[in-house]
């Protein structure tokens, strides 16, 4: 099991995560979806991305990105582009042009949605199964994923709470959490981050 913390917006939180003894494999930044309370503008983003990521990977979370926007970020310190609402042909175009690893986000409402991952197998490095709520931290029925092959490199999101994590113990998921690590004001909570990272570590141990 690996961890991803998404929606990081400030330097203090980022440095805490990076310096944690059980730092996550992935850290996500929401950079072109202004509806999200976790959206971060490019000027501020540049400062964060200059911080040594150590053993973690930086992920640009992108919703249907335009060519103009992709050109703006092409030289930034990202390891992955996480793509929402991007069809397979466009995904391949982005991956080829920018020589970047791809996390394809499949938004799940039913079993038919889950099957869409098969269209991205040859062009995605990781498949993320998320709720249709995007920035709203909505749930979806994770049991819909029970037939996904173990061999698939996969990530799971959708309003997962820290106490839910043991349920995924034997499924080799990368656990992607954002809202569950925030306080009532929507700001990342250091204590919750610590608990999340230690929970994943202890399961692996």
N, C-alpha and C. Protein backbone atom coordinates (compact mmCIF):
# COMPACT_ATOMS: atom_id res chain seq x y z
N UNK A 1 0.83 -1.19 0.00
CA UNK A 1 0.00 0.00 0.00
C UNK A 1 0.87 1.25 0.00
N UNK A 2 0.48 2.21 -0.83
CA UNK A 2 1.19 3.49 -0.87
C UNK A 2 0.18 4.61 -0.61
N UNK A 3 0.71 5.80 -0.32
CA UNK A 3 -0.15 6.93 0.05
C UNK A 3 0.01 8.09 -0.92
N UNK A 4 -1.10 8.79 -1.14
CA UNK A 4 -1.08 10.06 -1.88
C UNK A 4 -1.88 11.08 -1.10
N UNK A 5 -1.29 12.24 -0.89
CA UNK A 5 -1.99 13.36 -0.26
C UNK A 5 -2.25 14.40 -1.35
N UNK A 6 -3.51 14.76 -1.52
CA UNK A 6 -3.87 15.67 -2.61
C UNK A 6 -4.37 17.00 -2.07
N UNK A 7 -4.23 18.02 -2.89
CA UNK A 7 -4.76 19.33 -2.55
C UNK A 7 -3.89 20.14 -1.62
N UNK A 8 -2.58 19.93 -1.69
CA UNK A 8 -1.65 20.71 -0.86
C UNK A 8 -1.53 22.12 -1.42
N UNK A 9 -1.59 23.12 -0.54
CA UNK A 9 -1.62 24.52 -1.00
C UNK A 9 -0.58 25.42 -0.35
N UNK A 10 0.00 25.00 0.77
CA UNK A 10 0.89 25.92 1.49
C UNK A 10 2.23 25.25 1.82
N UNK A 11 3.22 26.09 2.00
CA UNK A 11 4.59 25.62 2.20
C UNK A 11 4.76 24.86 3.51
N UNK A 12 4.15 25.33 4.57
CA UNK A 12 4.30 24.69 5.87
C UNK A 12 3.80 23.23 5.82
N UNK A 13 2.64 23.03 5.22
CA UNK A 13 2.08 21.68 5.10
C UNK A 13 2.96 20.81 4.22
N UNK A 14 3.40 21.36 3.11
CA UNK A 14 4.22 20.58 2.18
C UNK A 14 5.52 20.15 2.84
N UNK A 15 6.17 21.05 3.53
CA UNK A 15 7.44 20.69 4.19
C UNK A 15 7.22 19.63 5.27
N UNK A 16 6.12 19.73 5.99
CA UNK A 16 5.82 18.72 7.01
C UNK A 16 5.66 17.34 6.35
N UNK A 17 4.91 17.29 5.27
CA UNK A 17 4.68 16.03 4.57
C UNK A 17 5.99 15.45 4.04
N UNK A 18 6.79 16.27 3.41
CA UNK A 18 8.04 15.80 2.80
C UNK A 18 9.04 15.30 3.83
N UNK A 19 9.01 15.91 5.01
CA UNK A 19 9.97 15.56 6.05
C UNK A 19 9.46 14.49 7.01
N UNK A 20 8.24 14.03 6.78
CA UNK A 20 7.67 13.00 7.65
C UNK A 20 8.45 11.69 7.49
N UNK A 21 8.59 10.96 8.57
CA UNK A 21 9.35 9.70 8.51
C UNK A 21 8.68 8.67 7.61
N UNK A 22 7.38 8.83 7.38
CA UNK A 22 6.65 7.95 6.47
C UNK A 22 6.01 8.76 5.34
N UNK A 23 6.83 9.59 4.72
CA UNK A 23 6.34 10.49 3.67
C UNK A 23 5.59 9.72 2.58
N UNK A 24 4.55 10.33 2.00
CA UNK A 24 3.77 9.63 0.98
C UNK A 24 4.54 9.50 -0.33
N UNK A 25 4.14 8.54 -1.11
CA UNK A 25 4.75 8.34 -2.42
C UNK A 25 4.39 9.47 -3.38
N UNK A 26 3.16 10.01 -3.22
CA UNK A 26 2.66 11.02 -4.15
C UNK A 26 2.08 12.21 -3.40
N UNK A 27 2.27 13.41 -3.97
CA UNK A 27 1.68 14.64 -3.45
C UNK A 27 1.04 15.37 -4.62
N UNK A 28 -0.26 15.67 -4.49
CA UNK A 28 -0.99 16.26 -5.61
C UNK A 28 -1.31 17.73 -5.40
N UNK A 29 -1.26 18.46 -6.52
CA UNK A 29 -1.57 19.90 -6.53
C UNK A 29 -2.66 20.15 -7.57
N UNK A 30 -3.74 20.80 -7.16
CA UNK A 30 -4.86 21.07 -8.07
C UNK A 30 -4.62 22.42 -8.71
N UNK A 31 -4.32 22.41 -10.00
CA UNK A 31 -3.73 23.61 -10.59
C UNK A 31 -4.52 24.24 -11.74
N UNK A 32 -5.61 23.60 -12.21
CA UNK A 32 -6.38 24.27 -13.27
C UNK A 32 -7.89 24.16 -13.05
N UNK A 33 -8.29 23.76 -11.85
CA UNK A 33 -9.72 23.59 -11.57
C UNK A 33 -10.11 24.55 -10.46
N UNK A 34 -10.53 25.74 -10.85
CA UNK A 34 -10.75 26.83 -9.89
C UNK A 34 -11.96 26.60 -8.99
N UNK A 35 -12.83 25.67 -9.34
CA UNK A 35 -13.99 25.38 -8.49
C UNK A 35 -13.57 24.73 -7.17
N UNK A 36 -12.41 24.14 -7.16
CA UNK A 36 -11.94 23.45 -5.97
C UNK A 36 -11.39 24.43 -4.95
N UNK A 37 -11.72 24.22 -3.69
CA UNK A 37 -11.15 25.05 -2.61
C UNK A 37 -9.67 24.76 -2.44
N UNK A 38 -9.20 23.70 -3.08
CA UNK A 38 -7.78 23.33 -2.99
C UNK A 38 -6.97 23.83 -4.19
N UNK A 39 -7.62 24.62 -5.05
CA UNK A 39 -6.94 25.17 -6.23
C UNK A 39 -5.78 26.07 -5.81
N UNK A 40 -4.69 25.96 -6.55
CA UNK A 40 -3.52 26.79 -6.28
C UNK A 40 -3.06 27.47 -7.56
N UNK A 41 -2.81 28.77 -7.49
CA UNK A 41 -2.40 29.53 -8.67
C UNK A 41 -0.93 29.25 -8.99
N UNK A 42 -0.60 29.43 -10.27
CA UNK A 42 0.73 29.05 -10.75
C UNK A 42 1.86 29.80 -10.04
N UNK A 43 1.65 31.05 -9.71
CA UNK A 43 2.71 31.82 -9.07
C UNK A 43 3.09 31.20 -7.72
N UNK A 44 2.08 30.83 -6.94
CA UNK A 44 2.32 30.20 -5.65
C UNK A 44 2.83 28.78 -5.84
N UNK A 45 2.32 28.12 -6.86
CA UNK A 45 2.73 26.75 -7.15
C UNK A 45 4.23 26.67 -7.43
N UNK A 46 4.73 27.61 -8.19
CA UNK A 46 6.15 27.61 -8.54
C UNK A 46 7.05 27.57 -7.30
N UNK A 47 6.65 28.30 -6.28
CA UNK A 47 7.43 28.33 -5.04
C UNK A 47 7.41 26.97 -4.36
N UNK A 48 6.23 26.34 -4.32
CA UNK A 48 6.12 25.04 -3.68
C UNK A 48 6.92 23.98 -4.42
N UNK A 49 6.87 24.02 -5.74
CA UNK A 49 7.55 23.00 -6.53
C UNK A 49 9.07 23.12 -6.48
N UNK A 50 9.55 24.24 -5.98
CA UNK A 50 11.00 24.42 -5.86
C UNK A 50 11.55 23.72 -4.61
N UNK A 51 10.64 23.27 -3.73
CA UNK A 51 11.06 22.58 -2.51
C UNK A 51 11.47 21.15 -2.86
N UNK A 52 12.57 20.71 -2.31
CA UNK A 52 13.09 19.36 -2.58
C UNK A 52 12.05 18.31 -2.19
N UNK A 53 11.60 17.55 -3.17
CA UNK A 53 10.53 16.57 -2.91
C UNK A 53 11.06 15.27 -2.31
N UNK A 54 12.36 15.17 -2.18
CA UNK A 54 12.97 13.99 -1.56
C UNK A 54 12.50 12.72 -2.26
N UNK A 55 11.85 11.82 -1.53
CA UNK A 55 11.46 10.54 -2.14
C UNK A 55 10.03 10.55 -2.69
N UNK A 56 9.33 11.66 -2.56
CA UNK A 56 7.95 11.74 -3.05
C UNK A 56 7.91 12.17 -4.51
N UNK A 57 6.75 11.96 -5.13
CA UNK A 57 6.52 12.36 -6.52
C UNK A 57 5.46 13.46 -6.55
N UNK A 58 5.71 14.49 -7.36
CA UNK A 58 4.76 15.59 -7.48
C UNK A 58 3.79 15.32 -8.63
N UNK A 59 2.49 15.52 -8.35
CA UNK A 59 1.43 15.23 -9.31
C UNK A 59 0.63 16.49 -9.62
N UNK A 60 0.50 16.81 -10.91
CA UNK A 60 -0.37 17.91 -11.35
C UNK A 60 -1.75 17.34 -11.60
N UNK A 61 -2.74 17.79 -10.83
CA UNK A 61 -4.11 17.33 -11.00
C UNK A 61 -4.79 18.28 -12.00
N UNK A 62 -5.22 17.71 -13.13
CA UNK A 62 -5.70 18.51 -14.25
C UNK A 62 -7.06 18.02 -14.73
N UNK A 63 -7.99 18.96 -14.89
CA UNK A 63 -9.30 18.63 -15.44
C UNK A 63 -9.38 19.18 -16.87
N UNK A 64 -9.43 18.26 -17.82
CA UNK A 64 -9.54 18.62 -19.25
C UNK A 64 -8.62 19.79 -19.61
N UNK A 65 -7.33 19.65 -19.42
CA UNK A 65 -6.41 20.77 -19.63
C UNK A 65 -6.32 21.20 -21.10
N UNK A 66 -6.25 22.49 -21.32
CA UNK A 66 -6.09 23.04 -22.67
C UNK A 66 -4.64 22.97 -23.10
N UNK A 67 -4.40 23.10 -24.39
CA UNK A 67 -3.03 23.13 -24.89
C UNK A 67 -2.26 24.31 -24.31
N UNK A 68 -2.92 25.45 -24.22
CA UNK A 68 -2.26 26.65 -23.68
C UNK A 68 -1.80 26.42 -22.25
N UNK A 69 -2.65 25.79 -21.44
CA UNK A 69 -2.29 25.57 -20.05
C UNK A 69 -1.15 24.55 -19.94
N UNK A 70 -1.21 23.51 -20.75
CA UNK A 70 -0.15 22.49 -20.72
C UNK A 70 1.20 23.11 -21.09
N UNK A 71 1.19 24.06 -22.00
CA UNK A 71 2.43 24.75 -22.37
C UNK A 71 2.96 25.57 -21.20
N UNK A 72 2.06 26.13 -20.39
CA UNK A 72 2.48 26.94 -19.25
C UNK A 72 3.18 26.10 -18.19
N UNK A 73 2.81 24.85 -18.07
CA UNK A 73 3.33 24.03 -16.96
C UNK A 73 4.37 23.00 -17.42
N UNK A 74 4.69 22.98 -18.70
CA UNK A 74 5.51 21.89 -19.24
C UNK A 74 6.89 21.78 -18.61
N UNK A 75 7.42 22.88 -18.09
CA UNK A 75 8.77 22.85 -17.50
C UNK A 75 8.75 22.80 -15.98
N UNK A 76 7.57 22.64 -15.40
CA UNK A 76 7.49 22.59 -13.94
C UNK A 76 7.90 21.20 -13.43
N UNK A 77 8.17 21.16 -12.13
CA UNK A 77 8.79 19.98 -11.51
C UNK A 77 7.77 18.89 -11.16
N UNK A 78 7.03 18.43 -12.18
CA UNK A 78 6.04 17.38 -11.97
C UNK A 78 6.55 16.04 -12.49
N UNK A 79 6.16 14.98 -11.78
CA UNK A 79 6.48 13.62 -12.20
C UNK A 79 5.32 12.96 -12.93
N UNK A 80 4.10 13.40 -12.59
CA UNK A 80 2.88 12.81 -13.17
C UNK A 80 1.88 13.91 -13.49
N UNK A 81 1.07 13.68 -14.54
CA UNK A 81 -0.14 14.45 -14.77
C UNK A 81 -1.31 13.52 -14.45
N UNK A 82 -2.19 13.97 -13.56
CA UNK A 82 -3.41 13.21 -13.22
C UNK A 82 -4.55 13.85 -13.99
N UNK A 83 -5.12 13.10 -14.94
CA UNK A 83 -6.05 13.67 -15.91
C UNK A 83 -7.49 13.24 -15.66
N UNK A 84 -8.38 14.24 -15.56
CA UNK A 84 -9.82 14.01 -15.48
C UNK A 84 -10.47 14.48 -16.78
N UNK A 85 -11.48 13.75 -17.22
CA UNK A 85 -12.26 14.13 -18.42
C UNK A 85 -11.39 14.24 -19.67
N UNK A 86 -10.45 13.32 -19.80
CA UNK A 86 -9.58 13.31 -20.98
C UNK A 86 -9.70 11.94 -21.64
N UNK A 87 -10.08 11.92 -22.92
CA UNK A 87 -10.30 10.64 -23.59
C UNK A 87 -8.96 9.97 -23.92
N UNK A 88 -8.98 8.69 -24.28
CA UNK A 88 -7.72 7.96 -24.52
C UNK A 88 -6.82 8.59 -25.58
N UNK A 89 -7.40 9.06 -26.65
CA UNK A 89 -6.59 9.64 -27.74
C UNK A 89 -5.86 10.90 -27.26
N UNK A 90 -6.59 11.76 -26.57
CA UNK A 90 -5.99 12.98 -26.03
C UNK A 90 -4.94 12.66 -24.96
N UNK A 91 -5.22 11.66 -24.15
CA UNK A 91 -4.26 11.23 -23.13
C UNK A 91 -2.95 10.80 -23.78
N UNK A 92 -3.04 10.03 -24.81
CA UNK A 92 -1.84 9.57 -25.51
C UNK A 92 -1.07 10.75 -26.10
N UNK A 93 -1.80 11.71 -26.63
CA UNK A 93 -1.19 12.91 -27.21
C UNK A 93 -0.40 13.67 -26.15
N UNK A 94 -1.00 13.85 -24.97
CA UNK A 94 -0.35 14.57 -23.87
C UNK A 94 0.88 13.81 -23.38
N UNK A 95 0.73 12.52 -23.19
CA UNK A 95 1.84 11.70 -22.70
C UNK A 95 3.02 11.74 -23.65
N UNK A 96 2.73 11.64 -24.93
CA UNK A 96 3.79 11.62 -25.96
C UNK A 96 4.47 12.97 -26.08
N UNK A 97 3.69 14.03 -26.12
CA UNK A 97 4.26 15.36 -26.34
C UNK A 97 5.11 15.82 -25.17
N UNK A 98 4.62 15.56 -23.93
CA UNK A 98 5.30 16.11 -22.76
C UNK A 98 6.16 15.10 -22.02
N UNK A 99 6.15 13.86 -22.55
CA UNK A 99 7.02 12.81 -21.97
C UNK A 99 6.86 12.76 -20.45
N UNK A 100 5.62 12.60 -20.03
CA UNK A 100 5.25 12.63 -18.62
C UNK A 100 4.48 11.37 -18.27
N UNK A 101 4.62 10.89 -17.06
CA UNK A 101 3.82 9.76 -16.62
C UNK A 101 2.37 10.21 -16.36
N UNK A 102 1.45 9.30 -16.61
CA UNK A 102 0.03 9.64 -16.57
C UNK A 102 -0.73 8.83 -15.52
N UNK A 103 -1.51 9.55 -14.71
CA UNK A 103 -2.52 8.92 -13.85
C UNK A 103 -3.87 9.25 -14.47
N UNK A 104 -4.55 8.25 -14.99
CA UNK A 104 -5.88 8.48 -15.57
C UNK A 104 -6.93 8.32 -14.49
N UNK A 105 -7.75 9.37 -14.32
CA UNK A 105 -8.81 9.34 -13.32
C UNK A 105 -10.11 8.87 -13.96
N UNK A 106 -10.65 7.78 -13.45
CA UNK A 106 -11.94 7.27 -13.87
C UNK A 106 -12.95 7.63 -12.80
N UNK A 107 -13.96 8.43 -13.13
CA UNK A 107 -14.98 8.79 -12.15
C UNK A 107 -16.09 7.74 -12.19
N UNK A 108 -16.39 7.20 -11.03
CA UNK A 108 -17.23 6.00 -10.94
C UNK A 108 -18.58 6.30 -10.30
N UNK A 109 -19.63 5.97 -11.05
CA UNK A 109 -20.99 5.98 -10.51
C UNK A 109 -21.62 4.60 -10.57
N UNK A 110 -21.12 3.75 -11.49
CA UNK A 110 -21.69 2.42 -11.66
C UNK A 110 -20.63 1.48 -12.23
N UNK A 111 -21.00 0.23 -12.40
CA UNK A 111 -20.07 -0.79 -12.87
C UNK A 111 -19.54 -0.49 -14.27
N UNK A 112 -20.40 0.09 -15.11
CA UNK A 112 -19.98 0.42 -16.48
C UNK A 112 -18.85 1.45 -16.47
N UNK A 113 -18.89 2.38 -15.53
CA UNK A 113 -17.82 3.38 -15.43
C UNK A 113 -16.48 2.71 -15.12
N UNK A 114 -16.52 1.73 -14.23
CA UNK A 114 -15.29 1.04 -13.84
C UNK A 114 -14.59 0.44 -15.06
N UNK A 115 -15.37 -0.12 -15.97
CA UNK A 115 -14.82 -0.82 -17.14
C UNK A 115 -14.06 0.10 -18.08
N UNK A 116 -14.24 1.40 -17.95
CA UNK A 116 -13.57 2.35 -18.83
C UNK A 116 -12.05 2.31 -18.68
N UNK A 117 -11.57 1.78 -17.56
CA UNK A 117 -10.12 1.73 -17.36
C UNK A 117 -9.43 0.94 -18.46
N UNK A 118 -10.14 -0.01 -19.04
CA UNK A 118 -9.54 -0.88 -20.07
C UNK A 118 -9.11 -0.09 -21.30
N UNK A 119 -9.75 1.06 -21.54
CA UNK A 119 -9.41 1.90 -22.69
C UNK A 119 -8.10 2.67 -22.50
N UNK A 120 -7.60 2.66 -21.25
CA UNK A 120 -6.42 3.47 -20.93
C UNK A 120 -5.20 2.62 -20.53
N UNK A 121 -5.32 1.33 -20.61
CA UNK A 121 -4.27 0.47 -20.08
C UNK A 121 -2.90 0.71 -20.72
N UNK A 122 -2.88 0.96 -22.01
CA UNK A 122 -1.60 1.09 -22.71
C UNK A 122 -1.01 2.48 -22.62
N UNK A 123 -1.77 3.43 -22.11
CA UNK A 123 -1.28 4.82 -22.11
C UNK A 123 -1.17 5.41 -20.71
N UNK A 124 -1.60 4.67 -19.69
CA UNK A 124 -1.58 5.19 -18.32
C UNK A 124 -0.60 4.39 -17.47
N UNK A 125 0.09 5.10 -16.61
CA UNK A 125 1.00 4.45 -15.67
C UNK A 125 0.26 3.99 -14.42
N UNK A 126 -0.80 4.72 -14.07
CA UNK A 126 -1.64 4.40 -12.92
C UNK A 126 -3.08 4.74 -13.28
N UNK A 127 -4.03 3.90 -12.85
CA UNK A 127 -5.45 4.21 -12.99
C UNK A 127 -5.99 4.61 -11.63
N UNK A 128 -6.62 5.78 -11.56
CA UNK A 128 -7.26 6.25 -10.33
C UNK A 128 -8.77 6.07 -10.45
N UNK A 129 -9.36 5.42 -9.48
CA UNK A 129 -10.82 5.30 -9.41
C UNK A 129 -11.31 6.29 -8.37
N UNK A 130 -12.12 7.26 -8.82
CA UNK A 130 -12.56 8.35 -7.96
C UNK A 130 -14.07 8.50 -8.06
N UNK A 131 -14.64 9.29 -7.17
CA UNK A 131 -16.07 9.58 -7.25
C UNK A 131 -16.32 10.60 -8.35
N UNK A 132 -17.58 10.77 -8.72
CA UNK A 132 -17.93 11.75 -9.75
C UNK A 132 -17.98 13.17 -9.18
N UNK A 133 -17.69 13.31 -7.89
CA UNK A 133 -17.83 14.60 -7.24
C UNK A 133 -16.65 15.53 -7.41
N UNK A 134 -15.52 15.01 -7.95
CA UNK A 134 -14.31 15.80 -8.10
C UNK A 134 -13.90 16.43 -6.77
N UNK A 135 -14.07 17.76 -6.68
CA UNK A 135 -13.58 18.51 -5.53
C UNK A 135 -14.47 18.38 -4.30
N UNK A 136 -15.60 17.68 -4.41
CA UNK A 136 -16.57 17.65 -3.31
C UNK A 136 -16.34 16.51 -2.31
N UNK A 137 -15.33 15.70 -2.54
CA UNK A 137 -15.03 14.57 -1.64
C UNK A 137 -16.25 13.68 -1.44
N UNK A 138 -16.88 13.28 -2.55
CA UNK A 138 -18.04 12.41 -2.48
C UNK A 138 -17.63 10.95 -2.45
N UNK A 139 -18.55 10.12 -1.97
CA UNK A 139 -18.31 8.68 -1.91
C UNK A 139 -18.69 8.00 -3.22
N UNK A 140 -18.17 6.80 -3.43
CA UNK A 140 -18.76 5.87 -4.38
C UNK A 140 -18.58 4.47 -3.81
N UNK A 141 -19.30 3.53 -4.36
CA UNK A 141 -19.29 2.17 -3.83
C UNK A 141 -17.99 1.46 -4.24
N UNK A 142 -17.06 1.37 -3.32
CA UNK A 142 -15.77 0.77 -3.64
C UNK A 142 -15.86 -0.71 -3.97
N UNK A 143 -16.97 -1.34 -3.60
CA UNK A 143 -17.12 -2.76 -3.94
C UNK A 143 -17.26 -2.97 -5.45
N UNK A 144 -17.56 -1.90 -6.19
CA UNK A 144 -17.64 -1.99 -7.65
C UNK A 144 -16.29 -2.36 -8.26
N UNK A 145 -15.23 -2.21 -7.48
CA UNK A 145 -13.88 -2.45 -7.99
C UNK A 145 -13.38 -3.86 -7.69
N UNK A 146 -14.23 -4.70 -7.14
CA UNK A 146 -13.76 -6.00 -6.64
C UNK A 146 -13.19 -6.90 -7.73
N UNK A 147 -13.56 -6.68 -8.99
CA UNK A 147 -13.06 -7.54 -10.07
C UNK A 147 -11.85 -6.96 -10.80
N UNK A 148 -11.35 -5.82 -10.33
CA UNK A 148 -10.17 -5.22 -10.94
C UNK A 148 -8.97 -6.14 -10.69
N UNK A 149 -8.19 -6.45 -11.72
CA UNK A 149 -7.06 -7.37 -11.51
C UNK A 149 -5.99 -6.81 -10.59
N UNK A 150 -5.40 -7.68 -9.81
CA UNK A 150 -4.35 -7.27 -8.88
C UNK A 150 -3.14 -6.70 -9.60
N UNK A 151 -2.95 -7.11 -10.83
CA UNK A 151 -1.77 -6.68 -11.60
C UNK A 151 -1.85 -5.21 -12.01
N UNK A 152 -3.04 -4.62 -11.94
CA UNK A 152 -3.21 -3.23 -12.36
C UNK A 152 -2.62 -2.29 -11.32
N UNK A 153 -1.81 -1.34 -11.76
CA UNK A 153 -1.29 -0.30 -10.86
C UNK A 153 -2.42 0.69 -10.65
N UNK A 154 -2.98 0.73 -9.44
CA UNK A 154 -4.22 1.46 -9.25
C UNK A 154 -4.21 2.31 -7.98
N UNK A 155 -4.96 3.38 -8.08
CA UNK A 155 -5.12 4.35 -7.00
C UNK A 155 -6.60 4.46 -6.70
N UNK A 156 -6.96 4.75 -5.45
CA UNK A 156 -8.37 4.86 -5.09
C UNK A 156 -8.60 6.11 -4.26
N UNK A 157 -9.68 6.83 -4.60
CA UNK A 157 -10.08 8.03 -3.88
C UNK A 157 -11.59 7.96 -3.65
N UNK A 158 -12.21 9.09 -3.30
CA UNK A 158 -13.64 9.10 -3.11
C UNK A 158 -14.03 9.18 -1.65
N UNK A 159 -13.60 10.26 -0.99
CA UNK A 159 -13.97 10.53 0.40
C UNK A 159 -13.56 9.40 1.35
N UNK A 160 -12.40 8.83 1.14
CA UNK A 160 -11.89 7.80 2.04
C UNK A 160 -11.45 8.45 3.35
N UNK A 161 -11.86 7.84 4.45
CA UNK A 161 -11.49 8.32 5.78
C UNK A 161 -10.33 7.47 6.31
N UNK A 162 -9.59 8.01 7.26
CA UNK A 162 -8.43 7.30 7.78
C UNK A 162 -8.83 5.94 8.35
N UNK A 163 -9.96 5.89 9.02
CA UNK A 163 -10.39 4.62 9.61
C UNK A 163 -10.82 3.58 8.56
N UNK A 164 -11.01 4.01 7.31
CA UNK A 164 -11.37 3.08 6.23
C UNK A 164 -10.16 2.33 5.68
N UNK A 165 -8.98 2.84 5.93
CA UNK A 165 -7.78 2.35 5.25
C UNK A 165 -7.52 0.85 5.48
N UNK A 166 -7.72 0.32 6.69
CA UNK A 166 -7.51 -1.13 6.87
C UNK A 166 -8.36 -2.00 5.94
N UNK A 167 -9.48 -1.45 5.45
CA UNK A 167 -10.33 -2.22 4.53
C UNK A 167 -9.65 -2.52 3.21
N UNK A 168 -8.61 -1.76 2.90
CA UNK A 168 -7.90 -1.92 1.63
C UNK A 168 -6.57 -2.66 1.81
N UNK A 169 -6.42 -3.28 2.94
CA UNK A 169 -5.13 -3.86 3.35
C UNK A 169 -4.53 -4.81 2.31
N UNK A 170 -5.33 -5.65 1.71
CA UNK A 170 -4.80 -6.68 0.80
C UNK A 170 -5.06 -6.40 -0.66
N UNK A 171 -5.31 -5.14 -1.00
CA UNK A 171 -5.72 -4.84 -2.37
C UNK A 171 -4.70 -4.04 -3.18
N UNK A 172 -3.56 -3.73 -2.60
CA UNK A 172 -2.47 -3.07 -3.32
C UNK A 172 -2.85 -1.72 -3.92
N UNK A 173 -3.77 -1.02 -3.29
CA UNK A 173 -4.15 0.30 -3.79
C UNK A 173 -3.17 1.37 -3.29
N UNK A 174 -3.03 2.41 -4.09
CA UNK A 174 -2.45 3.66 -3.63
C UNK A 174 -3.64 4.45 -3.07
N UNK A 175 -3.61 4.79 -1.80
CA UNK A 175 -4.73 5.46 -1.15
C UNK A 175 -4.58 6.97 -1.31
N UNK A 176 -5.55 7.58 -1.98
CA UNK A 176 -5.51 9.02 -2.31
C UNK A 176 -6.51 9.75 -1.41
N UNK A 177 -5.98 10.58 -0.53
CA UNK A 177 -6.83 11.27 0.46
C UNK A 177 -6.59 12.78 0.40
N UNK A 178 -7.68 13.53 0.57
CA UNK A 178 -7.58 14.98 0.65
C UNK A 178 -8.47 15.53 1.76
N UNK A 179 -9.80 15.44 1.55
CA UNK A 179 -10.73 16.02 2.50
C UNK A 179 -10.62 15.47 3.91
N UNK A 180 -10.30 14.18 4.03
CA UNK A 180 -10.20 13.55 5.35
C UNK A 180 -9.04 14.09 6.17
N UNK A 181 -8.16 14.85 5.53
CA UNK A 181 -7.00 15.40 6.22
C UNK A 181 -7.15 16.88 6.51
N UNK A 182 -8.39 17.38 6.42
CA UNK A 182 -8.63 18.81 6.60
C UNK A 182 -9.47 19.11 7.83
N UNK A 183 -9.31 20.31 8.35
CA UNK A 183 -10.12 20.75 9.48
C UNK A 183 -11.43 21.35 8.99
N UNK A 184 -12.21 21.92 9.89
CA UNK A 184 -13.52 22.46 9.52
C UNK A 184 -13.44 23.63 8.56
N UNK A 185 -12.28 24.25 8.49
CA UNK A 185 -12.10 25.40 7.59
C UNK A 185 -11.58 24.98 6.21
N UNK A 186 -11.34 23.67 6.04
CA UNK A 186 -10.83 23.19 4.77
C UNK A 186 -9.33 23.28 4.66
N UNK A 187 -8.65 23.51 5.78
CA UNK A 187 -7.19 23.59 5.78
C UNK A 187 -6.60 22.25 6.22
N UNK A 188 -5.50 21.85 5.60
CA UNK A 188 -4.87 20.59 5.96
C UNK A 188 -4.46 20.61 7.44
N UNK A 189 -4.75 19.49 8.12
CA UNK A 189 -4.51 19.34 9.55
C UNK A 189 -3.30 18.44 9.75
N UNK A 190 -2.25 18.97 10.35
CA UNK A 190 -1.00 18.24 10.52
C UNK A 190 -1.21 16.94 11.30
N UNK A 191 -2.03 16.98 12.33
CA UNK A 191 -2.26 15.78 13.14
C UNK A 191 -2.93 14.68 12.32
N UNK A 192 -3.86 15.07 11.47
CA UNK A 192 -4.55 14.09 10.62
C UNK A 192 -3.59 13.52 9.57
N UNK A 193 -2.74 14.37 9.03
CA UNK A 193 -1.74 13.91 8.07
C UNK A 193 -0.81 12.88 8.72
N UNK A 194 -0.37 13.19 9.92
CA UNK A 194 0.51 12.28 10.67
C UNK A 194 -0.18 10.94 10.89
N UNK A 195 -1.43 10.98 11.30
CA UNK A 195 -2.18 9.74 11.57
C UNK A 195 -2.34 8.93 10.29
N UNK A 196 -2.66 9.59 9.19
CA UNK A 196 -2.82 8.90 7.91
C UNK A 196 -1.54 8.21 7.47
N UNK A 197 -0.44 8.93 7.48
CA UNK A 197 0.83 8.37 7.01
C UNK A 197 1.30 7.23 7.91
N UNK A 198 1.09 7.37 9.20
CA UNK A 198 1.48 6.30 10.12
C UNK A 198 0.57 5.08 9.98
N UNK A 199 -0.70 5.31 9.68
CA UNK A 199 -1.64 4.20 9.49
C UNK A 199 -1.22 3.35 8.29
N UNK A 200 -0.89 4.01 7.18
CA UNK A 200 -0.44 3.27 5.99
C UNK A 200 0.86 2.51 6.29
N UNK A 201 1.76 3.20 6.95
CA UNK A 201 3.04 2.56 7.30
C UNK A 201 2.83 1.33 8.18
N UNK A 202 1.97 1.46 9.18
CA UNK A 202 1.76 0.34 10.10
C UNK A 202 1.08 -0.85 9.42
N UNK A 203 0.22 -0.59 8.47
CA UNK A 203 -0.40 -1.68 7.73
C UNK A 203 0.66 -2.43 6.92
N UNK A 204 1.55 -1.68 6.32
CA UNK A 204 2.61 -2.30 5.53
C UNK A 204 3.59 -3.07 6.40
N UNK A 205 3.72 -2.65 7.64
CA UNK A 205 4.67 -3.31 8.55
C UNK A 205 4.10 -4.61 9.12
